[in-house]
Amino acid sequence: MSLTRPENPMPEDIAARLDAAGLAAAYAARPPYQRNDYLGWIARAKRPETREKRLAQMLEELAGGRLYMNMRWRPKAAPGTPPAPENR
C-alpha cells in the first residue's frame, strides 16, 4: 500500500466478517486510502457498540458499492462497463 499515513492493520474479526458477508473482494477492490480509513475509523471507536455500528456501516457500503463513509463514491470502471446501481 502506498499511503502517506500509517497503515492500519486488518483485525481478524473484521477479516472474518468480510469473508462471511462475501465482501472480501469488494473490500480489496477499494482504493488503499479507503481500506485504511475504514480500519482506522473502526479501530478508534471507544465503545463496542460504536465499533459494531461502524463495522456494519462499512459492510453495508461495500455491499452497495456506491458509498464511502456516507459519501457518494464512483469506482473507476473499465471502458464500456455499465455504471453500478445506487446504494439508496
N, C-alpha and C. Protein backbone atom coordinates (compact mmCIF):
# COMPACT_ATOMS: atom_id res chain seq x y z
N MET A 1 0.85 -1.17 0.00
CA MET A 1 0.00 0.00 0.00
C MET A 1 0.90 1.23 0.00
N SER A 2 0.59 2.24 -0.78
CA SER A 2 1.39 3.45 -0.82
C SER A 2 0.61 4.62 -0.23
N LEU A 3 0.61 4.71 1.08
CA LEU A 3 -0.10 5.77 1.79
C LEU A 3 0.91 6.65 2.50
N THR A 4 0.54 7.91 2.70
CA THR A 4 1.40 8.79 3.48
C THR A 4 1.09 8.68 4.97
N ARG A 5 -0.08 8.16 5.29
CA ARG A 5 -0.45 7.93 6.69
C ARG A 5 -0.03 6.52 7.09
N PRO A 6 0.09 6.28 8.40
CA PRO A 6 0.39 4.91 8.84
C PRO A 6 -0.71 3.94 8.41
N GLU A 7 -0.30 2.74 8.04
CA GLU A 7 -1.24 1.72 7.62
C GLU A 7 -1.87 1.05 8.83
N ASN A 8 -3.20 0.95 8.82
CA ASN A 8 -3.93 0.29 9.90
C ASN A 8 -3.98 -1.21 9.61
N PRO A 9 -3.67 -2.03 10.62
CA PRO A 9 -3.71 -3.48 10.41
C PRO A 9 -5.15 -3.99 10.32
N MET A 10 -5.30 -5.11 9.61
CA MET A 10 -6.62 -5.75 9.47
C MET A 10 -6.85 -6.66 10.66
N PRO A 11 -7.80 -6.33 11.53
CA PRO A 11 -8.13 -7.23 12.64
C PRO A 11 -8.76 -8.52 12.13
N GLU A 12 -8.49 -9.61 12.82
CA GLU A 12 -9.01 -10.92 12.41
C GLU A 12 -10.54 -10.95 12.36
N ASP A 13 -11.20 -10.29 13.32
CA ASP A 13 -12.66 -10.34 13.33
C ASP A 13 -13.26 -9.59 12.15
N ILE A 14 -12.62 -8.52 11.70
CA ILE A 14 -13.13 -7.79 10.55
C ILE A 14 -12.92 -8.62 9.28
N ALA A 15 -11.75 -9.24 9.16
CA ALA A 15 -11.50 -10.11 8.00
C ALA A 15 -12.53 -11.24 7.95
N ALA A 16 -12.85 -11.80 9.11
CA ALA A 16 -13.84 -12.88 9.17
C ALA A 16 -15.22 -12.38 8.76
N ARG A 17 -15.59 -11.18 9.20
CA ARG A 17 -16.90 -10.62 8.83
C ARG A 17 -16.97 -10.34 7.33
N LEU A 18 -15.88 -9.83 6.76
CA LEU A 18 -15.84 -9.59 5.32
C LEU A 18 -16.02 -10.89 4.56
N ASP A 19 -15.33 -11.93 4.99
CA ASP A 19 -15.45 -13.24 4.34
C ASP A 19 -16.87 -13.79 4.49
N ALA A 20 -17.41 -13.72 5.70
CA ALA A 20 -18.74 -14.27 5.96
C ALA A 20 -19.82 -13.56 5.14
N ALA A 21 -19.62 -12.27 4.91
CA ALA A 21 -20.60 -11.50 4.14
C ALA A 21 -20.34 -11.57 2.64
N GLY A 22 -19.27 -12.25 2.25
CA GLY A 22 -18.93 -12.33 0.83
C GLY A 22 -18.43 -11.01 0.26
N LEU A 23 -17.84 -10.18 1.12
CA LEU A 23 -17.43 -8.84 0.71
C LEU A 23 -15.92 -8.63 0.69
N ALA A 24 -15.14 -9.69 0.84
CA ALA A 24 -13.68 -9.54 0.84
C ALA A 24 -13.19 -8.97 -0.48
N ALA A 25 -13.76 -9.41 -1.59
CA ALA A 25 -13.34 -8.90 -2.90
C ALA A 25 -13.74 -7.44 -3.07
N ALA A 26 -14.92 -7.07 -2.59
CA ALA A 26 -15.35 -5.67 -2.68
C ALA A 26 -14.44 -4.78 -1.86
N TYR A 27 -14.03 -5.27 -0.69
CA TYR A 27 -13.10 -4.52 0.15
C TYR A 27 -11.75 -4.38 -0.55
N ALA A 28 -11.25 -5.46 -1.11
CA ALA A 28 -9.95 -5.44 -1.79
C ALA A 28 -9.96 -4.54 -3.02
N ALA A 29 -11.13 -4.37 -3.63
CA ALA A 29 -11.23 -3.54 -4.83
C ALA A 29 -11.22 -2.05 -4.52
N ARG A 30 -11.46 -1.69 -3.27
CA ARG A 30 -11.45 -0.28 -2.90
C ARG A 30 -10.01 0.25 -2.92
N PRO A 31 -9.85 1.56 -3.14
CA PRO A 31 -8.51 2.13 -3.12
C PRO A 31 -7.86 1.97 -1.74
N PRO A 32 -6.53 1.91 -1.69
CA PRO A 32 -5.84 1.73 -0.41
C PRO A 32 -6.24 2.75 0.66
N TYR A 33 -6.45 4.01 0.28
CA TYR A 33 -6.81 5.01 1.29
C TYR A 33 -8.16 4.69 1.92
N GLN A 34 -9.12 4.17 1.14
CA GLN A 34 -10.42 3.84 1.70
C GLN A 34 -10.32 2.66 2.66
N ARG A 35 -9.59 1.63 2.26
CA ARG A 35 -9.44 0.47 3.15
C ARG A 35 -8.79 0.91 4.46
N ASN A 36 -7.76 1.73 4.38
CA ASN A 36 -7.06 2.20 5.57
C ASN A 36 -7.96 3.09 6.43
N ASP A 37 -8.71 3.97 5.79
CA ASP A 37 -9.62 4.85 6.54
C ASP A 37 -10.69 4.06 7.28
N TYR A 38 -11.28 3.07 6.60
CA TYR A 38 -12.29 2.25 7.27
C TYR A 38 -11.70 1.58 8.52
N LEU A 39 -10.54 0.96 8.38
CA LEU A 39 -9.94 0.24 9.52
C LEU A 39 -9.60 1.19 10.66
N GLY A 40 -9.05 2.35 10.34
CA GLY A 40 -8.71 3.31 11.39
C GLY A 40 -9.95 3.84 12.09
N TRP A 41 -10.98 4.12 11.32
CA TRP A 41 -12.24 4.65 11.87
C TRP A 41 -12.87 3.63 12.81
N ILE A 42 -12.88 2.38 12.40
CA ILE A 42 -13.45 1.32 13.24
C ILE A 42 -12.60 1.15 14.50
N ALA A 43 -11.29 1.16 14.35
CA ALA A 43 -10.38 0.96 15.49
C ALA A 43 -10.47 2.09 16.51
N ARG A 44 -10.80 3.29 16.08
CA ARG A 44 -10.86 4.43 17.01
C ARG A 44 -12.13 4.45 17.85
N ALA A 45 -13.07 3.57 17.60
CA ALA A 45 -14.30 3.53 18.40
C ALA A 45 -13.95 3.17 19.84
N LYS A 46 -14.52 3.90 20.77
CA LYS A 46 -14.23 3.66 22.18
C LYS A 46 -15.15 2.62 22.81
N ARG A 47 -16.36 2.52 22.30
CA ARG A 47 -17.31 1.57 22.85
C ARG A 47 -17.55 0.44 21.85
N PRO A 48 -17.76 -0.77 22.35
CA PRO A 48 -18.03 -1.90 21.45
C PRO A 48 -19.24 -1.64 20.54
N GLU A 49 -20.25 -0.95 21.06
CA GLU A 49 -21.44 -0.66 20.27
C GLU A 49 -21.10 0.24 19.08
N THR A 50 -20.23 1.22 19.33
CA THR A 50 -19.83 2.13 18.26
C THR A 50 -19.00 1.38 17.23
N ARG A 51 -18.12 0.53 17.68
CA ARG A 51 -17.28 -0.25 16.76
C ARG A 51 -18.17 -1.12 15.86
N GLU A 52 -19.15 -1.77 16.46
CA GLU A 52 -20.06 -2.62 15.69
C GLU A 52 -20.87 -1.80 14.69
N LYS A 53 -21.34 -0.64 15.09
CA LYS A 53 -22.10 0.23 14.19
C LYS A 53 -21.24 0.65 13.00
N ARG A 54 -20.00 1.00 13.25
CA ARG A 54 -19.10 1.41 12.17
C ARG A 54 -18.77 0.24 11.25
N LEU A 55 -18.56 -0.91 11.82
CA LEU A 55 -18.29 -2.10 11.01
C LEU A 55 -19.49 -2.43 10.13
N ALA A 56 -20.68 -2.35 10.71
CA ALA A 56 -21.91 -2.61 9.94
C ALA A 56 -22.06 -1.60 8.80
N GLN A 57 -21.71 -0.34 9.06
CA GLN A 57 -21.79 0.67 8.01
C GLN A 57 -20.82 0.35 6.88
N MET A 58 -19.60 -0.04 7.23
CA MET A 58 -18.62 -0.40 6.20
C MET A 58 -19.13 -1.55 5.35
N LEU A 59 -19.66 -2.58 5.99
CA LEU A 59 -20.17 -3.73 5.26
C LEU A 59 -21.32 -3.34 4.33
N GLU A 60 -22.22 -2.50 4.82
CA GLU A 60 -23.35 -2.04 4.00
C GLU A 60 -22.85 -1.24 2.80
N GLU A 61 -21.89 -0.36 3.02
CA GLU A 61 -21.36 0.45 1.93
C GLU A 61 -20.63 -0.41 0.89
N LEU A 62 -19.90 -1.40 1.36
CA LEU A 62 -19.21 -2.30 0.43
C LEU A 62 -20.23 -3.10 -0.37
N ALA A 63 -21.29 -3.54 0.28
CA ALA A 63 -22.31 -4.32 -0.42
C ALA A 63 -23.00 -3.49 -1.50
N GLY A 64 -23.23 -2.22 -1.20
CA GLY A 64 -23.90 -1.35 -2.17
C GLY A 64 -22.97 -0.87 -3.26
N GLY A 65 -21.72 -0.67 -2.93
CA GLY A 65 -20.73 -0.29 -3.91
C GLY A 65 -20.66 1.17 -4.30
N ARG A 66 -21.55 2.00 -3.80
CA ARG A 66 -21.58 3.40 -4.26
C ARG A 66 -21.36 4.42 -3.15
N LEU A 67 -21.09 3.98 -1.94
CA LEU A 67 -20.84 4.92 -0.85
C LEU A 67 -19.49 4.63 -0.20
N TYR A 68 -18.92 5.68 0.34
CA TYR A 68 -17.69 5.59 1.13
C TYR A 68 -17.84 6.60 2.26
N MET A 69 -17.94 6.12 3.48
CA MET A 69 -18.11 6.96 4.66
C MET A 69 -19.32 7.91 4.49
N ASN A 70 -20.43 7.34 4.03
CA ASN A 70 -21.68 8.07 3.79
C ASN A 70 -21.58 9.13 2.71
N MET A 71 -20.57 9.05 1.85
CA MET A 71 -20.43 9.97 0.73
C MET A 71 -20.52 9.16 -0.56
N ARG A 72 -21.08 9.76 -1.58
CA ARG A 72 -21.13 9.08 -2.88
C ARG A 72 -19.72 8.81 -3.35
N TRP A 73 -19.54 7.65 -3.93
CA TRP A 73 -18.23 7.25 -4.47
C TRP A 73 -18.46 6.49 -5.74
N ARG A 74 -17.67 6.79 -6.74
CA ARG A 74 -17.77 6.09 -8.02
C ARG A 74 -16.48 5.34 -8.27
N PRO A 75 -16.57 4.02 -8.30
CA PRO A 75 -15.36 3.26 -8.65
C PRO A 75 -15.01 3.50 -10.10
N LYS A 76 -13.73 3.45 -10.38
CA LYS A 76 -13.30 3.58 -11.76
C LYS A 76 -13.69 2.32 -12.50
N ALA A 77 -14.45 2.50 -13.57
CA ALA A 77 -14.94 1.36 -14.35
C ALA A 77 -14.14 1.24 -15.64
N ALA A 78 -14.02 0.05 -16.11
CA ALA A 78 -13.37 -0.18 -17.39
C ALA A 78 -14.25 0.41 -18.49
N PRO A 79 -13.64 0.87 -19.58
CA PRO A 79 -14.45 1.42 -20.67
C PRO A 79 -15.50 0.42 -21.14
N GLY A 80 -16.72 0.92 -21.35
CA GLY A 80 -17.81 0.07 -21.82
C GLY A 80 -18.54 -0.67 -20.72
N THR A 81 -18.13 -0.48 -19.46
CA THR A 81 -18.78 -1.14 -18.33
C THR A 81 -19.95 -0.29 -17.86
N PRO A 82 -21.13 -0.86 -17.68
CA PRO A 82 -22.26 -0.07 -17.20
C PRO A 82 -22.02 0.39 -15.76
N PRO A 83 -22.56 1.54 -15.37
CA PRO A 83 -22.37 2.02 -14.01
C PRO A 83 -23.03 1.11 -12.98
N ALA A 84 -22.46 1.09 -11.78
CA ALA A 84 -23.02 0.29 -10.69
C ALA A 84 -24.30 0.94 -10.19
N PRO A 85 -25.26 0.16 -9.67
CA PRO A 85 -26.51 0.75 -9.16
C PRO A 85 -26.25 1.58 -7.89
N GLU A 86 -27.15 2.48 -7.62
CA GLU A 86 -27.05 3.33 -6.43
C GLU A 86 -27.28 2.50 -5.16
N ASN A 87 -26.65 2.92 -4.05
CA ASN A 87 -26.87 2.26 -2.76
C ASN A 87 -28.29 2.48 -2.27
N ARG A 88 -28.76 3.67 -2.40
CA ARG A 88 -30.07 4.05 -1.84
C ARG A 88 -30.87 4.72 -2.89
